[in-house]
């Protein structure tokens, strides 16, 4: 994991920003927590694992999932469901869900009056399945790299569509 060794120094605490938070906005909350912990004497690092995963699967593919309307089918959670909970790839009823969410389907939860250029990027069912297949290996590689650093505390942010990735990593 070149990203981890290049951007994260040794310390007491590692705070991780996992997928699928949007890649272009930093986490204010994690940096506030970092500052408070540093003030208390802890050496705290922040790892934007979401950026590493975006690099692994491709930024456009990552954005296609991260930019989907929230509270719909939670495809970001489904990508890490097998790695986190040992359930079928993309969770239960994956084919039914993908049928409504893929590039060939009519978008759900999207204002149909918007011009098509403003719709979130769309992936095919095969692309979602490929990303999900990559997730397990990525989690294992990232977890090994994190464990090798011997942090006393490792924590993850968890917001919309970050819970399964957090559980898988931790």
C-alpha atoms as a PDB file:
ATOM      1  CA  UNK A   1       0.000   0.000   0.000  1.00  0.00           C
ATOM      2  CA  UNK A   2       2.251   2.818  -1.228  1.00  0.00           C
ATOM      3  CA  UNK A   3      -0.305   5.450  -0.227  1.00  0.00           C
ATOM      4  CA  UNK A   4      -0.151   4.420   3.431  1.00  0.00           C
ATOM      5  CA  UNK A   5       3.626   4.400   3.685  1.00  0.00           C
ATOM      6  CA  UNK A   6       3.986   7.619   1.711  1.00  0.00           C
ATOM      7  CA  UNK A   7       1.452   9.782   3.541  1.00  0.00           C
ATOM      8  CA  UNK A   8       1.013   8.309   7.025  1.00  0.00           C
ATOM      9  CA  UNK A   9       3.789   8.528   9.590  1.00  0.00           C
ATOM     10  CA  UNK A  10       4.052   6.462  12.746  1.00  0.00           C
ATOM     11  CA  UNK A  11       1.946   7.594  15.656  1.00  0.00           C
ATOM     12  CA  UNK A  12      -0.406   6.632  18.445  1.00  0.00           C
ATOM     13  CA  UNK A  13      -3.676   7.012  16.566  1.00  0.00           C
ATOM     14  CA  UNK A  14      -4.801   6.460  12.982  1.00  0.00           C
ATOM     15  CA  UNK A  15      -8.095   7.988  11.865  1.00  0.00           C
ATOM     16  CA  UNK A  16      -9.359   6.559   8.581  1.00  0.00           C
ATOM     17  CA  UNK A  17     -11.755   8.140   6.083  1.00  0.00           C
ATOM     18  CA  UNK A  18     -13.064   5.046   4.247  1.00  0.00           C
ATOM     19  CA  UNK A  19     -15.006   4.781   0.977  1.00  0.00           C
ATOM     20  CA  UNK A  20     -17.593   5.996  -0.184  1.00  0.00           C
ATOM     21  CA  UNK A  21     -17.493   9.565   1.006  1.00  0.00           C
ATOM     22  CA  UNK A  22     -17.017  11.976  -1.882  1.00  0.00           C
ATOM     23  CA  UNK A  23     -13.377  12.205  -2.866  1.00  0.00           C
ATOM     24  CA  UNK A  24     -13.152  15.949  -3.431  1.00  0.00           C
ATOM     25  CA  UNK A  25     -14.122  17.195   0.047  1.00  0.00           C
ATOM     26  CA  UNK A  26     -11.902  16.694   3.111  1.00  0.00           C
ATOM     27  CA  UNK A  27     -13.405  15.620   6.427  1.00  0.00           C
ATOM     28  CA  UNK A  28     -13.616  18.546   8.825  1.00  0.00           C
ATOM     29  CA  UNK A  29     -14.742  16.248  11.646  1.00  0.00           C
ATOM     30  CA  UNK A  30     -11.727  13.949  11.433  1.00  0.00           C
ATOM     31  CA  UNK A  31      -9.320  16.893  11.454  1.00  0.00           C
ATOM     32  CA  UNK A  32     -11.069  18.479  14.450  1.00  0.00           C
ATOM     33  CA  UNK A  33     -10.738  15.173  16.295  1.00  0.00           C
ATOM     34  CA  UNK A  34      -7.095  14.985  15.205  1.00  0.00           C
ATOM     35  CA  UNK A  35      -6.419  18.482  16.570  1.00  0.00           C
ATOM     36  CA  UNK A  36      -8.118  17.725  19.907  1.00  0.00           C
ATOM     37  CA  UNK A  37      -6.200  14.462  20.299  1.00  0.00           C
ATOM     38  CA  UNK A  38      -2.914  16.166  19.407  1.00  0.00           C
ATOM     39  CA  UNK A  39      -3.632  18.823  22.031  1.00  0.00           C
ATOM     40  CA  UNK A  40      -4.022  15.975  24.535  1.00  0.00           C
ATOM     41  CA  UNK A  41      -0.568  14.692  23.585  1.00  0.00           C
ATOM     42  CA  UNK A  42      -1.386  11.973  21.052  1.00  0.00           C
ATOM     43  CA  UNK A  43       0.406  11.617  17.717  1.00  0.00           C
ATOM     44  CA  UNK A  44      -2.524  11.380  15.311  1.00  0.00           C
ATOM     45  CA  UNK A  45      -2.547  10.608  11.589  1.00  0.00           C
ATOM     46  CA  UNK A  46      -5.394  10.773   9.102  1.00  0.00           C
ATOM     47  CA  UNK A  47      -5.620   8.279   6.258  1.00  0.00           C
ATOM     48  CA  UNK A  48      -7.924   9.120   3.362  1.00  0.00           C
ATOM     49  CA  UNK A  49      -8.513   5.494   2.397  1.00  0.00           C
ATOM     50  CA  UNK A  50     -11.348   6.650   0.162  1.00  0.00           C
ATOM     51  CA  UNK A  51      -8.756   8.248  -2.140  1.00  0.00           C
ATOM     52  CA  UNK A  52      -6.718   5.048  -2.212  1.00  0.00           C
ATOM     53  CA  UNK A  53      -9.799   3.004  -3.120  1.00  0.00           C
ATOM     54  CA  UNK A  54     -10.745   5.557  -5.791  1.00  0.00           C
ATOM     55  CA  UNK A  55      -7.261   5.147  -7.278  1.00  0.00           C
ATOM     56  CA  UNK A  56      -7.628   1.359  -7.141  1.00  0.00           C
ATOM     57  CA  UNK A  57     -11.001   1.159  -8.898  1.00  0.00           C
ATOM     58  CA  UNK A  58     -10.767   4.315 -10.987  1.00  0.00           C
ATOM     59  CA  UNK A  59     -11.936   7.786 -10.077  1.00  0.00           C
ATOM     60  CA  UNK A  60     -14.901   7.745 -12.460  1.00  0.00           C
ATOM     61  CA  UNK A  61     -16.145   4.411 -11.107  1.00  0.00           C
ATOM     62  CA  UNK A  62     -15.670   5.623  -7.533  1.00  0.00           C
ATOM     63  CA  UNK A  63     -17.598   8.822  -8.272  1.00  0.00           C
ATOM     64  CA  UNK A  64     -20.400   6.829  -9.889  1.00  0.00           C
ATOM     65  CA  UNK A  65     -21.007   5.127  -6.549  1.00  0.00           C
ATOM     66  CA  UNK A  66     -20.166   8.007  -4.189  1.00  0.00           C
ATOM     67  CA  UNK A  67     -22.397  10.459  -6.050  1.00  0.00           C
ATOM     68  CA  UNK A  68     -25.518   8.280  -6.114  1.00  0.00           C
ATOM     69  CA  UNK A  69     -28.465   9.688  -4.165  1.00  0.00           C
ATOM     70  CA  UNK A  70     -28.204   8.571  -0.544  1.00  0.00           C
ATOM     71  CA  UNK A  71     -30.816   6.468   1.226  1.00  0.00           C
ATOM     72  CA  UNK A  72     -31.782   4.705  -1.985  1.00  0.00           C
ATOM     73  CA  UNK A  73     -30.166   1.275  -2.313  1.00  0.00           C
ATOM     74  CA  UNK A  74     -26.825   2.130  -0.685  1.00  0.00           C
ATOM     75  CA  UNK A  75     -24.628   0.587  -3.351  1.00  0.00           C
ATOM     76  CA  UNK A  76     -21.536   1.902  -1.568  1.00  0.00           C
ATOM     77  CA  UNK A  77     -22.469  -0.230   1.443  1.00  0.00           C
ATOM     78  CA  UNK A  78     -23.126  -3.195  -0.812  1.00  0.00           C
ATOM     79  CA  UNK A  79     -19.653  -3.002  -2.367  1.00  0.00           C
ATOM     80  CA  UNK A  80     -18.106  -3.794   1.032  1.00  0.00           C
ATOM     81  CA  UNK A  81     -20.932  -6.001   2.389  1.00  0.00           C
ATOM     82  CA  UNK A  82     -19.224  -9.321   1.649  1.00  0.00           C
ATOM     83  CA  UNK A  83     -15.911  -8.142   3.116  1.00  0.00           C
ATOM     84  CA  UNK A  84     -17.599  -6.744   6.232  1.00  0.00           C
ATOM     85  CA  UNK A  85     -20.354  -9.234   6.964  1.00  0.00           C
ATOM     86  CA  UNK A  86     -19.551 -12.386   4.958  1.00  0.00           C
ATOM     87  CA  UNK A  87     -22.777 -12.138   2.993  1.00  0.00           C
ATOM     88  CA  UNK A  88     -23.186 -12.637  -0.772  1.00  0.00           C
ATOM     89  CA  UNK A  89     -21.353 -10.218  -3.079  1.00  0.00           C
ATOM     90  CA  UNK A  90     -23.265  -6.921  -3.271  1.00  0.00           C
ATOM     91  CA  UNK A  91     -25.584  -8.180  -0.529  1.00  0.00           C
ATOM     92  CA  UNK A  92     -28.937  -9.883  -0.731  1.00  0.00           C
ATOM     93  CA  UNK A  93     -31.064  -9.387  -3.862  1.00  0.00           C
ATOM     94  CA  UNK A  94     -28.051  -7.920  -5.694  1.00  0.00           C
ATOM     95  CA  UNK A  95     -29.329  -8.712  -9.180  1.00  0.00           C
ATOM     96  CA  UNK A  96     -32.702  -7.117  -8.435  1.00  0.00           C
ATOM     97  CA  UNK A  97     -31.006  -4.002  -7.039  1.00  0.00           C
ATOM     98  CA  UNK A  98     -28.567  -3.734  -9.937  1.00  0.00           C
ATOM     99  CA  UNK A  99     -31.447  -4.023 -12.381  1.00  0.00           C
ATOM    100  CA  UNK A 100     -32.779  -0.679 -11.114  1.00  0.00           C
ATOM    101  CA  UNK A 101     -29.431   1.090 -10.658  1.00  0.00           C
ATOM    102  CA  UNK A 102     -27.276   0.336 -13.664  1.00  0.00           C
ATOM    103  CA  UNK A 103     -26.469   2.396 -16.725  1.00  0.00           C
ATOM    104  CA  UNK A 104     -29.101   0.591 -18.771  1.00  0.00           C
ATOM    105  CA  UNK A 105     -31.847   1.292 -16.221  1.00  0.00           C
ATOM    106  CA  UNK A 106     -33.976   4.342 -15.619  1.00  0.00           C
ATOM    107  CA  UNK A 107     -32.412   6.274 -12.740  1.00  0.00           C
ATOM    108  CA  UNK A 108     -34.320   6.163  -9.453  1.00  0.00           C
ATOM    109  CA  UNK A 109     -34.303   8.976  -6.938  1.00  0.00           C
ATOM    110  CA  UNK A 110     -33.197  11.455  -9.605  1.00  0.00           C
ATOM    111  CA  UNK A 111     -35.205  14.452 -10.718  1.00  0.00           C
ATOM    112  CA  UNK A 112     -36.266  13.537 -14.269  1.00  0.00           C
ATOM    113  CA  UNK A 113     -36.417  17.226 -15.210  1.00  0.00           C
ATOM    114  CA  UNK A 114     -32.629  17.506 -14.913  1.00  0.00           C
ATOM    115  CA  UNK A 115     -30.660  17.395 -18.138  1.00  0.00           C
ATOM    116  CA  UNK A 116     -28.849  14.031 -18.570  1.00  0.00           C
ATOM    117  CA  UNK A 117     -25.458  15.739 -18.098  1.00  0.00           C
ATOM    118  CA  UNK A 118     -26.388  16.422 -14.452  1.00  0.00           C
ATOM    119  CA  UNK A 119     -27.329  12.803 -13.661  1.00  0.00           C
ATOM    120  CA  UNK A 120     -24.812  10.941 -11.556  1.00  0.00           C
ATOM    121  CA  UNK A 121     -22.427   8.760 -13.527  1.00  0.00           C
ATOM    122  CA  UNK A 122     -23.859   5.292 -14.096  1.00  0.00           C
ATOM    123  CA  UNK A 123     -22.136   1.905 -14.128  1.00  0.00           C
ATOM    124  CA  UNK A 124     -23.145  -1.406 -15.625  1.00  0.00           C
ATOM    125  CA  UNK A 125     -23.961  -4.410 -13.434  1.00  0.00           C
ATOM    126  CA  UNK A 126     -20.668  -5.985 -14.541  1.00  0.00           C
ATOM    127  CA  UNK A 127     -18.763  -2.867 -13.450  1.00  0.00           C
ATOM    128  CA  UNK A 128     -20.394  -2.938  -9.987  1.00  0.00           C
ATOM    129  CA  UNK A 129     -19.537  -6.628  -9.658  1.00  0.00           C
ATOM    130  CA  UNK A 130     -15.933  -5.960 -10.703  1.00  0.00           C
ATOM    131  CA  UNK A 131     -15.574  -3.163  -8.116  1.00  0.00           C
ATOM    132  CA  UNK A 132     -17.065  -5.377  -5.411  1.00  0.00           C
ATOM    133  CA  UNK A 133     -14.614  -8.147  -6.329  1.00  0.00           C
ATOM    134  CA  UNK A 134     -11.730  -5.669  -5.947  1.00  0.00           C
ATOM    135  CA  UNK A 135     -12.996  -4.501  -2.550  1.00  0.00           C
ATOM    136  CA  UNK A 136     -12.113  -7.717  -0.681  1.00  0.00           C
ATOM    137  CA  UNK A 137      -8.482  -7.679  -1.826  1.00  0.00           C
ATOM    138  CA  UNK A 138      -8.182  -3.964  -1.193  1.00  0.00           C
ATOM    139  CA  UNK A 139      -9.524  -4.363   2.367  1.00  0.00           C
ATOM    140  CA  UNK A 140      -7.101  -7.200   3.111  1.00  0.00           C
ATOM    141  CA  UNK A 141      -4.126  -5.278   1.723  1.00  0.00           C
ATOM    142  CA  UNK A 142      -5.076  -2.089   3.553  1.00  0.00           C
ATOM    143  CA  UNK A 143      -5.750  -3.891   6.854  1.00  0.00           C
ATOM    144  CA  UNK A 144      -2.353  -5.635   6.710  1.00  0.00           C
ATOM    145  CA  UNK A 145      -0.611  -2.321   5.996  1.00  0.00           C
ATOM    146  CA  UNK A 146      -2.425  -0.619   8.876  1.00  0.00           C
ATOM    147  CA  UNK A 147      -1.755  -3.472  11.321  1.00  0.00           C
ATOM    148  CA  UNK A 148       1.940  -3.444  10.435  1.00  0.00           C
ATOM    149  CA  UNK A 149       2.221   0.142  11.689  1.00  0.00           C
ATOM    150  CA  UNK A 150       1.293  -0.764  15.300  1.00  0.00           C
ATOM    151  CA  UNK A 151      -1.028   2.142  16.039  1.00  0.00           C
ATOM    152  CA  UNK A 152      -2.499   1.971  19.556  1.00  0.00           C
ATOM    153  CA  UNK A 153      -5.866   3.216  18.301  1.00  0.00           C
ATOM    154  CA  UNK A 154      -7.423   2.915  14.854  1.00  0.00           C
ATOM    155  CA  UNK A 155     -10.771   4.492  14.094  1.00  0.00           C
ATOM    156  CA  UNK A 156     -12.914   5.206  11.062  1.00  0.00           C
ATOM    157  CA  UNK A 157     -15.307   7.944  10.174  1.00  0.00           C
ATOM    158  CA  UNK A 158     -18.711   6.628   9.343  1.00  0.00           C
ATOM    159  CA  UNK A 159     -21.194   8.688   7.469  1.00  0.00           C
ATOM    160  CA  UNK A 160     -23.333   7.859   4.494  1.00  0.00           C
ATOM    161  CA  UNK A 161     -22.124   4.650   2.850  1.00  0.00           C
ATOM    162  CA  UNK A 162     -18.976   4.261   4.952  1.00  0.00           C
ATOM    163  CA  UNK A 163     -20.198   1.757   7.547  1.00  0.00           C
ATOM    164  CA  UNK A 164     -19.525  -1.512   5.698  1.00  0.00           C
ATOM    165  CA  UNK A 165     -16.080  -0.299   4.578  1.00  0.00           C
ATOM    166  CA  UNK A 166     -15.315   0.737   8.176  1.00  0.00           C
ATOM    167  CA  UNK A 167     -16.409  -2.640   9.564  1.00  0.00           C
ATOM    168  CA  UNK A 168     -14.389  -4.467   6.890  1.00  0.00           C
ATOM    169  CA  UNK A 169     -11.239  -2.460   7.621  1.00  0.00           C
ATOM    170  CA  UNK A 170     -11.504  -2.575  11.397  1.00  0.00           C
END
